Structure formats: structure tokens, C-alpha cells
Amino acid sequence: MPVPTATRLTSRKHAVVRRCREAAAGDDPDVVLLDGAHLLTEALDAGVPIALVLTDGREKALTARARASGAAVYEGTAGVIEAARPVHSPSGVVALAQR
């Protein structure tokens, strides 16, 4: 069965980007922002529910794994991903997880 493609985001003002920024700011006590493939991998390994993943497309296997666990997957431009996170590092994936 083919893997469904991710929804493509091009706007830095998209609701997904806003949710990521709110999680980073601690505005939602039930959600945490995971910035980077290593944190997403650890969360998946621990069975933490992942609500959504925003990726630049480099982490295909990890993204597929998150999708299989029930996460909504979005692919964003570099500008979209930069707007979604508080730290400006070269990580190509951010995710929202339940605390």
C-alpha cells in the first residue's frame, strides 16, 4: 500500500505553525513541542502519543513511523519550519506530543 503524502504548508501563519509556537511557549499544558529527530524518535520509542509532525522531508522513515502511530504529517518549507520553532537550528522536523 502506498504511503500517503504529507499535506504541504507554505504559510508561516498556518494554524499548525501557530500550534507549534503556542506549545513552545507553554500555552497548552497538555502539549509539548519536540524539536529534532532525536526527540521525536525517543518519544515514539517511549509510546508517547504524537499529534502532528511538521517536516522538511529529510526524515522520511521517521515521518512514516510517526504517521503509522497516528500522527498527522505536514511538510513545510524552510521558512514554515523556522516559524514553527523557538530555536533556529538546522533540525528538519518538529512535532507536537501529549505530556
C-alpha atoms as a PDB file:
ATOM      1  CA  MET A   1       0.000   0.000   0.000  1.00  0.00           C
ATOM      2  CA  PRO A   2       1.463   3.438  -0.897  1.00  0.00           C
ATOM      3  CA  VAL A   3       2.324   5.825   1.906  1.00  0.00           C
ATOM      4  CA  PRO A   4       0.055   8.888   1.792  1.00  0.00           C
ATOM      5  CA  THR A   5       1.802  12.143   1.057  1.00  0.00           C
ATOM      6  CA  ALA A   6       2.059  14.859   3.668  1.00  0.00           C
ATOM      7  CA  THR A   7      -0.019  17.994   3.480  1.00  0.00           C
ATOM      8  CA  ARG A   8       2.230  20.776   2.143  1.00  0.00           C
ATOM      9  CA  LEU A   9       2.349  24.036   4.129  1.00  0.00           C
ATOM     10  CA  THR A  10       3.718  27.246   2.641  1.00  0.00           C
ATOM     11  CA  SER A  11       2.319  29.882   5.021  1.00  0.00           C
ATOM     12  CA  ARG A  12       4.135  30.885   8.205  1.00  0.00           C
ATOM     13  CA  LYS A  13       0.693  31.881   9.554  1.00  0.00           C
ATOM     14  CA  HIS A  14      -0.893  28.440   9.160  1.00  0.00           C
ATOM     15  CA  ALA A  15      -2.752  27.040  12.203  1.00  0.00           C
ATOM     16  CA  VAL A  16      -0.194  24.203  12.522  1.00  0.00           C
ATOM     17  CA  VAL A  17       2.624  26.747  12.850  1.00  0.00           C
ATOM     18  CA  ARG A  18       0.606  28.666  15.465  1.00  0.00           C
ATOM     19  CA  ARG A  19       0.018  25.468  17.452  1.00  0.00           C
ATOM     20  CA  CYS A  20       3.735  24.702  17.459  1.00  0.00           C
ATOM     21  CA  ARG A  21       4.619  28.217  18.663  1.00  0.00           C
ATOM     22  CA  GLU A  22       1.954  28.036  21.388  1.00  0.00           C
ATOM     23  CA  ALA A  23       3.308  24.674  22.561  1.00  0.00           C
ATOM     24  CA  ALA A  24       6.852  26.070  22.617  1.00  0.00           C
ATOM     25  CA  ALA A  25       5.647  28.996  24.722  1.00  0.00           C
ATOM     26  CA  GLY A  26       3.931  26.637  27.168  1.00  0.00           C
ATOM     27  CA  ASP A  27       0.471  28.000  26.379  1.00  0.00           C
ATOM     28  CA  ASP A  28      -1.038  24.489  26.359  1.00  0.00           C
ATOM     29  CA  PRO A  29      -0.094  22.459  29.448  1.00  0.00           C
ATOM     30  CA  ASP A  30      -1.074  19.191  27.746  1.00  0.00           C
ATOM     31  CA  VAL A  31       1.166  19.542  24.687  1.00  0.00           C
ATOM     32  CA  VAL A  32       4.936  19.723  24.298  1.00  0.00           C
ATOM     33  CA  LEU A  33       6.961  20.731  21.239  1.00  0.00           C
ATOM     34  CA  LEU A  34       9.615  18.226  20.187  1.00  0.00           C
ATOM     35  CA  ASP A  35      12.295  19.927  18.095  1.00  0.00           C
ATOM     36  CA  GLY A  36      14.511  17.475  16.260  1.00  0.00           C
ATOM     37  CA  ALA A  37      14.545  13.909  15.017  1.00  0.00           C
ATOM     38  CA  HIS A  38      16.213  12.587  18.171  1.00  0.00           C
ATOM     39  CA  LEU A  39      13.409  13.858  20.435  1.00  0.00           C
ATOM     40  CA  LEU A  40      10.706  12.548  18.118  1.00  0.00           C
ATOM     41  CA  THR A  41      12.462   9.163  17.951  1.00  0.00           C
ATOM     42  CA  GLU A  42      12.695   8.963  21.746  1.00  0.00           C
ATOM     43  CA  ALA A  43       9.031   9.908  22.131  1.00  0.00           C
ATOM     44  CA  LEU A  44       7.928   7.269  19.623  1.00  0.00           C
ATOM     45  CA  ASP A  45      10.162   4.667  21.306  1.00  0.00           C
ATOM     46  CA  ALA A  46       8.510   5.517  24.652  1.00  0.00           C
ATOM     47  CA  GLY A  47       4.995   5.269  23.216  1.00  0.00           C
ATOM     48  CA  VAL A  48       4.226   8.970  23.683  1.00  0.00           C
ATOM     49  CA  PRO A  49       1.204   9.987  21.569  1.00  0.00           C
ATOM     50  CA  ILE A  50       2.301  12.275  18.737  1.00  0.00           C
ATOM     51  CA  ALA A  51      -0.420  14.602  17.454  1.00  0.00           C
ATOM     52  CA  LEU A  52       1.377  16.048  14.456  1.00  0.00           C
ATOM     53  CA  VAL A  53       4.718  16.252  12.702  1.00  0.00           C
ATOM     54  CA  LEU A  54       5.998  19.151  10.614  1.00  0.00           C
ATOM     55  CA  THR A  55       8.932  18.121   8.448  1.00  0.00           C
ATOM     56  CA  ASP A  56      11.123  19.401   5.651  1.00  0.00           C
ATOM     57  CA  GLY A  57      11.034  15.934   4.089  1.00  0.00           C
ATOM     58  CA  ARG A  58      14.504  14.723   5.077  1.00  0.00           C
ATOM     59  CA  GLU A  59      13.379  12.292   7.799  1.00  0.00           C
ATOM     60  CA  LYS A  60      11.224  10.027   5.627  1.00  0.00           C
ATOM     61  CA  ALA A  61      11.462   6.848   7.725  1.00  0.00           C
ATOM     62  CA  LEU A  62      10.834   8.720  10.969  1.00  0.00           C
ATOM     63  CA  THR A  63       7.936  10.613   9.427  1.00  0.00           C
ATOM     64  CA  ALA A  64       6.415   7.345   8.177  1.00  0.00           C
ATOM     65  CA  ARG A  65       6.797   5.859  11.642  1.00  0.00           C
ATOM     66  CA  ALA A  66       5.054   8.849  13.233  1.00  0.00           C
ATOM     67  CA  ARG A  67       2.249   8.656  10.649  1.00  0.00           C
ATOM     68  CA  ALA A  68       1.820   4.943  11.397  1.00  0.00           C
ATOM     69  CA  SER A  69       1.447   5.807  15.092  1.00  0.00           C
ATOM     70  CA  GLY A  70      -1.466   8.116  14.233  1.00  0.00           C
ATOM     71  CA  ALA A  71       0.239  11.493  13.796  1.00  0.00           C
ATOM     72  CA  ALA A  72      -0.898  13.952  11.152  1.00  0.00           C
ATOM     73  CA  VAL A  73       2.090  14.789   8.944  1.00  0.00           C
ATOM     74  CA  TYR A  74       2.736  18.148   7.305  1.00  0.00           C
ATOM     75  CA  GLU A  75       5.624  19.071   5.043  1.00  0.00           C
ATOM     76  CA  GLY A  76       6.758  22.674   5.216  1.00  0.00           C
ATOM     77  CA  THR A  77       9.161  24.992   3.530  1.00  0.00           C
ATOM     78  CA  ALA A  78      12.277  26.017   5.453  1.00  0.00           C
ATOM     79  CA  GLY A  79      10.545  29.290   6.366  1.00  0.00           C
ATOM     80  CA  VAL A  80       7.491  27.500   7.722  1.00  0.00           C
ATOM     81  CA  ILE A  81       9.574  25.185   9.887  1.00  0.00           C
ATOM     82  CA  GLU A  82      11.675  28.097  11.125  1.00  0.00           C
ATOM     83  CA  ALA A  83       8.488  29.945  12.131  1.00  0.00           C
ATOM     84  CA  ALA A  84       7.181  26.885  13.996  1.00  0.00           C
ATOM     85  CA  ARG A  85      10.046  26.567  16.466  1.00  0.00           C
ATOM     86  CA  PRO A  86      11.679  28.720  19.087  1.00  0.00           C
ATOM     87  CA  VAL A  87      15.270  27.693  18.325  1.00  0.00           C
ATOM     88  CA  HIS A  88      16.782  28.385  14.916  1.00  0.00           C
ATOM     89  CA  SER A  89      18.910  25.331  14.334  1.00  0.00           C
ATOM     90  CA  PRO A  90      19.182  23.065  11.295  1.00  0.00           C
ATOM     91  CA  SER A  91      16.703  20.460  12.608  1.00  0.00           C
ATOM     92  CA  GLY A  92      14.335  19.408   9.857  1.00  0.00           C
ATOM     93  CA  VAL A  93      11.462  18.143  11.970  1.00  0.00           C
ATOM     94  CA  VAL A  94       9.254  19.367  14.807  1.00  0.00           C
ATOM     95  CA  ALA A  95       6.346  17.531  16.418  1.00  0.00           C
ATOM     96  CA  LEU A  96       3.630  18.030  18.999  1.00  0.00           C
ATOM     97  CA  ALA A  97       3.218  15.352  21.654  1.00  0.00           C
ATOM     98  CA  GLN A  98       0.935  14.824  24.634  1.00  0.00           C
ATOM     99  CA  ARG A  99       2.564  15.459  28.006  1.00  0.00           C
END
